[in-house]
Amino acid sequence: MTAALRKRTRRAACALISTSLASLANLAAHAEIVVTANDGKMVLENGSAVVRKQPLPDTVSVIDFTDGALKLLGEVPAPASVVGPPPSVAIAPDGAFALVTGAMKLDPADPAKTVPDDKLSVIDLKSTPPKVLTTLQAGAGAAGVSINRAGTLALVANRSEGTVSVFTISGGTLAPAGKIQLGDAKSGPSHAVFSHDGATALVTRDGDSKISLLTVDGSKVEYAKRDLSAGIRPYDIDLTGSAAAIVGNVGASSGDNDSISLIDMTARPIRVVTTVSVGQTPEAVKMSPDGSHVAVTVMNGSNKAPGSPFFNDFGLLKVYRISGTDLTPVAEAKIGHWCQGMAWSKDSKYVVAQCMVENELIAFSFDGKALNRTSTLKMQVSPAGIRTAEP
């Protein structure tokens, strides 16, 4: 091969690579994006979460969920954890970046154990592949995270110290803006969500079974000294629309049926108005973007030891219709074991669920009456947190 031919070949290869990367970036820009946080440390053995004999790196994955088909677009190493509710991911309203928390890390003194971590990673979703822009400190046991719809504030619930961390956002840059003390270290703040207008926020506390109300005025966030009562151990909470919030009450893991509750955000003062039984351990709750349904991942005993009388060899994805303050079951489908969070498509026609044991995502179509599987995506490590950009 002549020198001139080698030079032309190199130019053609570079052009092809550039075109491929541009095509991938263009796909990511127009795709319906789901971000998952994946825990490489933990596995389920005989009903107990234990550290892997050979831990793998935690990762954050960017996935195309267009039309119910799952396709991995990119992945980056970053701290993540199965401990805490599945909304350990939040996406900026403009889709430019994601926030991912890491509630637990391997104990430096004993790598067969874990200890609370405080990491908050900022992930650039516009780059190909995605990359970590910066890593910040929240509080011990940093778990559920949310960004307000104005894109100016973020809240992180710190399960191991009884606080909520506040961050301001400007130009895509986060800055710590203090902490709010809600209870002692055992109160277990798990997830924080903003109201649709951004003037209030709700924080679940699975340690003492409270839901705390916060007031928001610009960058000033304060505990309103008012708590709501829904069920035993409120854990995940979602507030997609302006009329209602949904909370999952995970219970005492004693084999009893647990519940989800509807909070009327239009009442003055706001209050819990409806609670319905859904089965063992509702790990995650998520309202459809159109506000008409709520999806629930129910452990259904799939995370218990096979010898337990409460064990079932599958979890459940359930959908309930929201009619005013009523919750009515409309569909359910079997899923895997120790399943975590789920996310809806923007048009409310598809939903995707995460399962830890199977290391997979499962997508379903939903027509208002039934759930039908559309695709699956195998992951290298266990998917534990999930979010799309809030509508």
Protein backbone atom coordinates (compact mmCIF):
# COMPACT_ATOMS: atom_id res chain seq x y z
CA MET A 1 0.00 0.00 0.00
CA THR A 2 1.41 3.39 -0.99
CA ALA A 3 1.80 6.21 1.53
CA ALA A 4 -0.89 8.21 -0.26
CA LEU A 5 -3.31 5.27 -0.14
CA ARG A 6 -2.58 4.69 3.56
CA LYS A 7 -3.29 8.36 4.24
CA ARG A 8 -6.61 8.22 2.33
CA THR A 9 -7.56 5.03 4.21
CA ARG A 10 -6.85 6.66 7.58
CA ARG A 11 -8.91 9.71 6.58
CA ALA A 12 -11.81 7.46 5.53
CA ALA A 13 -11.64 5.48 8.80
CA CYS A 14 -11.59 8.67 10.87
CA ALA A 15 -14.54 10.02 8.90
CA LEU A 16 -16.44 6.76 9.45
CA ILE A 17 -15.76 6.86 13.21
CA SER A 18 -16.79 10.53 13.37
CA THR A 19 -19.97 9.79 11.43
CA SER A 20 -20.78 6.81 13.71
CA LEU A 21 -20.27 8.89 16.86
CA ALA A 22 -22.36 11.72 15.41
CA SER A 23 -25.11 9.25 14.52
CA LEU A 24 -25.08 7.85 18.08
CA ALA A 25 -25.19 11.35 19.54
CA ASN A 26 -28.07 12.23 17.21
CA LEU A 27 -29.91 9.06 18.27
CA ALA A 28 -29.43 9.91 21.95
CA ALA A 29 -30.72 13.43 21.32
CA HIS A 30 -33.96 12.16 19.77
CA ALA A 31 -34.43 8.92 21.73
CA GLU A 32 -36.61 8.53 24.77
CA ILE A 33 -33.92 8.24 27.41
CA VAL A 34 -33.96 6.15 30.59
CA VAL A 35 -31.05 6.30 33.02
CA THR A 36 -30.38 3.39 35.37
CA ALA A 37 -27.98 3.12 38.31
CA ASN A 38 -26.52 -0.38 38.66
CA ASP A 39 -25.12 -1.95 41.85
CA GLY A 40 -22.15 -4.25 41.28
CA LYS A 41 -21.58 -4.96 44.97
CA MET A 42 -24.66 -6.81 46.17
CA VAL A 43 -26.43 -10.08 45.40
CA LEU A 44 -29.38 -11.92 46.95
CA GLU A 45 -28.50 -15.20 48.68
CA ASN A 46 -31.18 -17.23 50.45
CA GLY A 47 -33.28 -14.15 51.10
CA SER A 48 -30.45 -11.89 52.29
CA ALA A 49 -28.61 -9.11 50.47
CA VAL A 50 -24.88 -9.83 50.74
CA VAL A 51 -21.68 -8.54 49.17
CA ARG A 52 -20.59 -10.40 46.04
CA LYS A 53 -17.61 -12.68 46.48
CA GLN A 54 -16.03 -10.77 43.61
CA PRO A 55 -17.62 -7.29 43.55
CA LEU A 56 -17.93 -5.53 40.21
CA PRO A 57 -17.85 -1.77 39.55
CA ASP A 58 -21.11 0.14 39.98
CA THR A 59 -22.25 1.73 36.74
CA VAL A 60 -24.74 4.20 35.28
CA SER A 61 -26.39 3.24 31.97
CA VAL A 62 -28.12 5.42 29.39
CA ILE A 63 -30.83 3.48 27.57
CA ASP A 64 -33.07 4.22 24.61
CA PHE A 65 -36.69 3.34 25.46
CA THR A 66 -38.35 4.60 22.28
CA ASP A 67 -41.59 2.74 21.43
CA GLY A 68 -41.03 0.21 24.21
CA ALA A 69 -37.80 -1.19 22.73
CA LEU A 70 -34.76 -1.20 25.04
CA LYS A 71 -31.31 -0.39 23.64
CA LEU A 72 -28.15 0.41 25.58
CA LEU A 73 -26.61 3.67 24.36
CA GLY A 74 -23.74 4.08 26.80
CA GLU A 75 -22.40 3.30 30.26
CA VAL A 76 -20.02 4.88 32.76
CA PRO A 77 -18.60 3.71 36.12
CA ALA A 78 -20.09 5.68 39.06
CA PRO A 79 -21.16 4.92 42.65
CA ALA A 80 -24.64 3.37 42.93
CA SER A 81 -26.53 1.29 45.47
CA VAL A 82 -29.53 -1.01 45.80
CA VAL A 83 -30.00 0.39 49.33
CA GLY A 84 -32.69 3.07 49.32
CA PRO A 85 -35.69 3.57 47.03
CA PRO A 86 -35.16 3.22 43.25
CA PRO A 87 -35.31 6.98 42.47
CA SER A 88 -31.58 7.27 43.23
CA VAL A 89 -31.45 8.89 39.78
CA ALA A 90 -32.77 12.28 38.68
CA ILE A 91 -32.57 13.82 35.21
CA ALA A 92 -32.42 17.56 34.52
CA PRO A 93 -35.55 18.94 32.80
CA ASP A 94 -33.54 19.67 29.64
CA GLY A 95 -32.00 16.18 29.65
CA ALA A 96 -28.45 17.55 29.80
CA PHE A 97 -27.31 15.69 32.91
CA ALA A 98 -28.36 13.15 35.50
CA LEU A 99 -27.74 12.98 39.23
CA VAL A 100 -26.98 9.58 40.75
CA THR A 101 -26.53 8.80 44.44
CA GLY A 102 -24.49 6.04 46.08
CA ALA A 103 -25.94 5.14 49.47
CA MET A 104 -23.48 2.38 50.35
CA LYS A 105 -19.88 1.42 49.59
CA LEU A 106 -17.63 -1.48 50.49
CA ASP A 107 -16.22 -1.16 54.00
CA PRO A 108 -12.49 -0.32 53.66
CA ALA A 109 -11.87 -2.23 56.90
CA ASP A 110 -13.83 -5.31 55.81
CA PRO A 111 -14.68 -5.60 52.09
CA ALA A 112 -17.22 -8.33 52.88
CA LYS A 113 -19.41 -5.62 54.42
CA THR A 114 -20.83 -2.25 53.36
CA VAL A 115 -20.97 1.12 55.10
CA PRO A 116 -22.95 4.30 54.29
CA ASP A 117 -21.64 6.50 51.50
CA ASP A 118 -22.46 10.11 50.61
CA LYS A 119 -21.70 10.31 46.89
CA LEU A 120 -23.69 12.38 44.39
CA SER A 121 -22.43 12.03 40.82
CA VAL A 122 -23.27 14.45 38.03
CA ILE A 123 -23.42 12.54 34.73
CA ASP A 124 -23.14 14.30 31.36
CA LEU A 125 -25.86 12.80 29.14
CA LYS A 126 -24.94 14.84 26.08
CA SER A 127 -21.50 13.29 25.64
CA THR A 128 -20.94 10.01 23.79
CA PRO A 129 -20.30 7.91 25.77
CA PRO A 130 -21.74 9.54 28.92
CA LYS A 131 -19.18 10.78 31.43
CA VAL A 132 -18.98 11.83 35.08
CA LEU A 133 -18.67 15.61 35.26
CA THR A 134 -18.11 15.83 39.00
CA THR A 135 -18.72 13.96 42.24
CA LEU A 136 -20.18 15.81 45.23
CA GLN A 137 -20.87 14.94 48.84
CA ALA A 138 -24.45 14.80 50.10
CA GLY A 139 -25.00 13.02 53.44
CA ALA A 140 -24.50 9.55 54.86
CA GLY A 141 -26.70 7.04 53.08
CA ALA A 142 -27.48 9.40 50.16
CA ALA A 143 -30.54 7.82 48.53
CA GLY A 144 -33.56 9.35 46.74
CA VAL A 145 -32.78 12.44 44.65
CA SER A 146 -35.01 14.89 42.75
CA ILE A 147 -34.64 18.05 40.67
CA ASN A 148 -37.39 20.68 40.58
CA ARG A 149 -39.12 21.41 37.27
CA ALA A 150 -37.40 24.80 37.01
CA GLY A 151 -34.04 23.00 37.06
CA THR A 152 -32.72 25.23 39.85
CA LEU A 153 -32.76 22.98 42.94
CA ALA A 154 -31.99 19.37 43.86
CA LEU A 155 -32.80 17.47 47.05
CA VAL A 156 -31.07 14.32 48.33
CA ALA A 157 -32.53 12.23 51.16
CA ASN A 158 -29.79 10.95 53.48
CA ARG A 159 -31.06 7.72 55.05
CA SER A 160 -28.24 7.22 57.55
CA GLU A 161 -28.20 10.66 59.18
CA GLY A 162 -31.81 11.91 59.22
CA THR A 163 -31.23 14.81 56.84
CA VAL A 164 -32.01 16.16 53.38
CA SER A 165 -29.22 17.85 51.41
CA VAL A 166 -30.07 20.90 49.29
CA PHE A 167 -28.15 21.82 46.13
CA THR A 168 -28.62 24.85 43.91
CA ILE A 169 -28.27 24.41 40.14
CA SER A 170 -27.04 27.13 37.80
CA GLY A 171 -25.76 26.59 34.28
CA GLY A 172 -25.64 22.87 34.89
CA THR A 173 -23.39 23.32 37.93
CA LEU A 174 -24.45 22.13 41.40
CA ALA A 175 -23.48 23.86 44.63
CA PRO A 176 -24.23 22.67 48.19
CA ALA A 177 -26.82 24.89 49.91
CA GLY A 178 -27.13 23.25 53.32
CA LYS A 179 -28.94 20.40 55.04
CA ILE A 180 -32.34 20.06 56.67
CA GLN A 181 -32.54 18.01 59.87
CA LEU A 182 -35.72 15.93 59.95
CA GLY A 183 -35.08 13.37 62.68
CA ASP A 184 -32.36 11.33 64.26
CA ALA A 185 -30.10 8.95 62.32
CA LYS A 186 -32.75 6.21 62.53
CA SER A 187 -35.58 8.28 61.02
CA GLY A 188 -34.46 7.13 57.56
CA PRO A 189 -35.27 9.92 55.07
CA SER A 190 -35.58 7.88 51.88
CA HIS A 191 -36.85 9.99 48.99
CA ALA A 192 -37.73 13.64 48.42
CA VAL A 193 -39.99 14.99 45.65
CA PHE A 194 -40.97 18.52 44.66
CA SER A 195 -44.56 19.57 44.12
CA HIS A 196 -45.45 20.49 40.55
CA ASP A 197 -45.16 24.24 41.30
CA GLY A 198 -41.94 23.74 43.26
CA ALA A 199 -43.29 25.53 46.35
CA THR A 200 -43.28 22.44 48.57
CA ALA A 201 -41.58 19.06 48.81
CA LEU A 202 -42.43 15.76 50.48
CA VAL A 203 -39.89 13.46 52.12
CA THR A 204 -40.57 9.84 53.11
CA ARG A 205 -39.08 8.57 56.38
CA ASP A 206 -39.13 4.78 56.48
CA GLY A 207 -37.40 4.67 59.86
CA ASP A 208 -40.22 6.30 61.82
CA SER A 209 -43.10 6.00 59.30
CA LYS A 210 -43.57 9.70 58.58
CA ILE A 211 -43.82 11.84 55.45
CA SER A 212 -42.40 15.30 56.11
CA LEU A 213 -43.51 18.51 54.41
CA LEU A 214 -40.88 21.02 53.29
CA THR A 215 -41.46 24.59 52.15
CA VAL A 216 -39.48 25.99 49.22
CA ASP A 217 -38.88 29.70 48.59
CA GLY A 218 -36.26 30.26 45.91
CA SER A 219 -33.19 28.43 47.19
CA LYS A 220 -34.46 28.47 50.78
CA VAL A 221 -35.82 25.06 51.83
CA GLU A 222 -37.20 24.50 55.33
CA TYR A 223 -38.92 21.79 57.33
CA ALA A 224 -42.54 22.91 57.80
CA LYS A 225 -42.75 20.94 61.07
CA ARG A 226 -45.69 18.98 59.67
CA ASP A 227 -45.72 15.25 59.01
CA LEU A 228 -48.26 13.06 57.21
CA SER A 229 -49.08 9.47 58.14
CA ALA A 230 -49.76 6.92 55.38
CA GLY A 231 -48.67 3.38 56.34
CA ILE A 232 -45.82 1.40 57.83
CA ARG A 233 -42.45 2.53 56.46
CA PRO A 234 -43.26 4.96 53.62
CA TYR A 235 -40.37 4.56 51.20
CA ASP A 236 -40.75 5.56 47.56
CA ILE A 237 -42.91 8.55 46.64
CA ASP A 238 -43.88 10.13 43.32
CA LEU A 239 -45.50 13.41 42.42
CA THR A 240 -45.77 13.54 38.65
CA GLY A 241 -48.88 15.71 38.37
CA SER A 242 -50.25 18.58 40.44
CA ALA A 243 -53.29 16.90 42.00
CA ALA A 244 -51.91 13.84 43.77
CA ALA A 245 -48.81 12.16 45.11
CA ILE A 246 -48.37 8.41 45.52
CA VAL A 247 -46.36 6.76 48.28
CA GLY A 248 -45.38 3.11 48.71
CA ASN A 249 -45.45 1.72 52.26
CA VAL A 250 -43.02 -1.22 52.33
CA GLY A 251 -44.15 -2.54 55.71
CA ALA A 252 -42.23 -4.71 58.16
CA SER A 253 -41.19 -7.52 55.75
CA SER A 254 -43.26 -9.94 57.82
CA GLY A 255 -45.18 -11.51 54.96
CA ASP A 256 -48.23 -9.29 55.40
CA ASN A 257 -49.79 -7.43 52.49
CA ASP A 258 -48.46 -3.89 52.29
CA SER A 259 -49.95 -0.77 50.75
CA ILE A 260 -49.75 2.34 48.61
CA SER A 261 -51.34 5.65 49.58
CA LEU A 262 -52.64 8.63 47.64
CA ILE A 263 -51.94 12.13 48.96
CA ASP A 264 -54.37 14.84 47.87
CA MET A 265 -52.19 17.80 46.92
CA THR A 266 -55.23 20.03 46.31
CA ALA A 267 -56.55 19.68 49.87
CA ARG A 268 -55.75 22.44 52.34
CA PRO A 269 -53.82 21.29 54.17
CA ILE A 270 -52.62 18.43 51.98
CA ARG A 271 -53.36 15.00 53.43
CA VAL A 272 -53.42 11.25 52.86
CA VAL A 273 -56.87 10.32 51.55
CA THR A 274 -56.67 6.75 50.19
CA THR A 275 -54.69 3.62 51.09
CA VAL A 276 -55.01 0.27 49.29
CA SER A 277 -53.33 -3.10 49.75
CA VAL A 278 -51.03 -4.20 46.92
CA GLY A 279 -49.13 -7.25 48.23
CA GLN A 280 -45.76 -7.84 49.85
CA THR A 281 -43.33 -4.91 49.73
CA PRO A 282 -44.17 -2.25 47.11
CA GLU A 283 -40.57 -1.33 46.30
CA ALA A 284 -41.33 1.46 43.81
CA VAL A 285 -44.28 3.59 42.73
CA LYS A 286 -44.50 5.75 39.62
CA MET A 287 -47.37 7.77 38.17
CA SER A 288 -47.88 7.78 34.40
CA PRO A 289 -47.08 11.14 32.78
CA ASP A 290 -50.75 11.66 31.93
CA GLY A 291 -51.59 11.29 35.63
CA SER A 292 -54.19 8.58 35.07
CA HIS A 293 -52.33 5.52 36.40
CA VAL A 294 -49.71 4.45 38.89
CA ALA A 295 -47.35 1.50 38.41
CA VAL A 296 -46.02 -0.46 41.38
CA THR A 297 -43.21 -3.02 41.58
CA VAL A 298 -44.25 -5.51 44.25
CA MET A 299 -41.61 -7.87 45.67
CA ASN A 300 -44.35 -10.46 46.28
CA GLY A 301 -41.96 -12.45 48.51
CA SER A 302 -39.52 -12.97 45.61
CA ASN A 303 -36.73 -11.53 47.80
CA LYS A 304 -37.34 -14.01 50.65
CA ALA A 305 -35.57 -17.32 51.23
CA PRO A 306 -37.11 -20.14 49.13
CA GLY A 307 -37.97 -21.96 52.36
CA SER A 308 -40.04 -19.05 53.67
CA PRO A 309 -43.83 -19.57 53.75
CA PHE A 310 -44.10 -16.10 52.19
CA PHE A 311 -41.80 -16.83 49.22
CA ASN A 312 -43.10 -16.54 45.67
CA ASP A 313 -40.95 -17.37 42.66
CA PHE A 314 -41.80 -14.09 40.90
CA GLY A 315 -42.42 -10.44 41.57
CA LEU A 316 -45.31 -8.41 40.21
CA LEU A 317 -45.69 -5.24 38.20
CA LYS A 318 -49.12 -3.79 38.99
CA VAL A 319 -50.99 -0.84 37.51
CA TYR A 320 -53.77 1.08 39.28
CA ARG A 321 -56.11 3.67 37.80
CA ILE A 322 -56.26 7.04 39.55
CA SER A 323 -59.80 8.48 39.53
CA GLY A 324 -59.98 11.51 41.76
CA THR A 325 -58.96 10.07 45.12
CA ASP A 326 -59.73 6.44 44.19
CA LEU A 327 -57.17 3.77 43.26
CA THR A 328 -58.50 0.84 41.22
CA PRO A 329 -56.41 -2.18 40.05
CA VAL A 330 -56.47 -2.61 36.26
CA ALA A 331 -53.50 -4.80 35.24
CA GLU A 332 -50.61 -6.89 36.54
CA ALA A 333 -47.77 -8.97 35.09
CA LYS A 334 -45.22 -11.36 36.52
CA ILE A 335 -41.64 -10.11 36.64
CA GLY A 336 -38.41 -11.41 38.20
CA HIS A 337 -36.92 -11.49 41.67
CA TRP A 338 -35.92 -8.60 43.95
CA CYS A 339 -37.18 -6.13 41.35
CA GLN A 340 -36.57 -2.45 41.97
CA GLY A 341 -37.83 0.61 40.09
CA MET A 342 -39.77 1.35 36.96
CA ALA A 343 -40.28 4.20 34.51
CA TRP A 344 -43.05 5.18 32.07
CA SER A 345 -42.65 6.38 28.52
CA LYS A 346 -43.65 9.99 27.90
CA ASP A 347 -46.88 8.92 26.16
CA SER A 348 -47.85 6.61 29.08
CA LYS A 349 -48.05 3.63 26.68
CA TYR A 350 -44.98 1.73 27.91
CA VAL A 351 -43.40 0.93 31.26
CA VAL A 352 -40.02 -0.62 32.05
CA ALA A 353 -39.11 -2.44 35.28
CA GLN A 354 -35.73 -3.43 36.78
CA CYS A 355 -34.96 -6.84 38.30
CA MET A 356 -31.83 -7.29 40.42
CA VAL A 357 -31.49 -11.09 40.45
CA GLU A 358 -31.94 -11.49 36.70
CA ASN A 359 -29.76 -8.42 35.93
CA GLU A 360 -32.32 -7.23 33.40
CA LEU A 361 -34.81 -4.58 32.38
CA ILE A 362 -38.25 -5.70 31.19
CA ALA A 363 -40.45 -3.44 29.06
CA PHE A 364 -44.23 -3.73 28.70
CA SER A 365 -46.84 -2.03 26.58
CA PHE A 366 -49.93 -0.75 28.40
CA ASP A 367 -53.24 -0.01 26.66
CA GLY A 368 -55.21 0.97 29.76
CA LYS A 369 -56.32 -2.61 30.34
CA ALA A 370 -53.36 -5.00 30.11
CA LEU A 371 -49.57 -5.24 30.30
CA ASN A 372 -47.79 -7.07 27.46
CA ARG A 373 -44.04 -7.66 27.35
CA THR A 374 -42.29 -5.88 24.48
CA SER A 375 -38.56 -6.32 25.13
CA THR A 376 -35.85 -7.16 27.66
CA LEU A 377 -32.31 -5.92 28.13
CA LYS A 378 -29.64 -7.86 30.02
CA MET A 379 -27.27 -5.79 32.14
CA GLN A 380 -23.72 -6.57 33.26
CA VAL A 381 -24.54 -5.74 36.89
CA SER A 382 -27.79 -5.38 38.81
CA PRO A 383 -30.09 -2.43 37.96
CA ALA A 384 -31.13 -0.71 41.20
CA GLY A 385 -32.21 2.87 40.38
CA ILE A 386 -34.06 4.40 37.45
CA ARG A 387 -35.52 7.67 36.18
CA THR A 388 -36.59 9.54 33.08
CA ALA A 389 -36.88 13.30 32.76
CA GLU A 390 -39.97 14.44 34.65
CA PRO A 391 -42.88 15.62 32.47
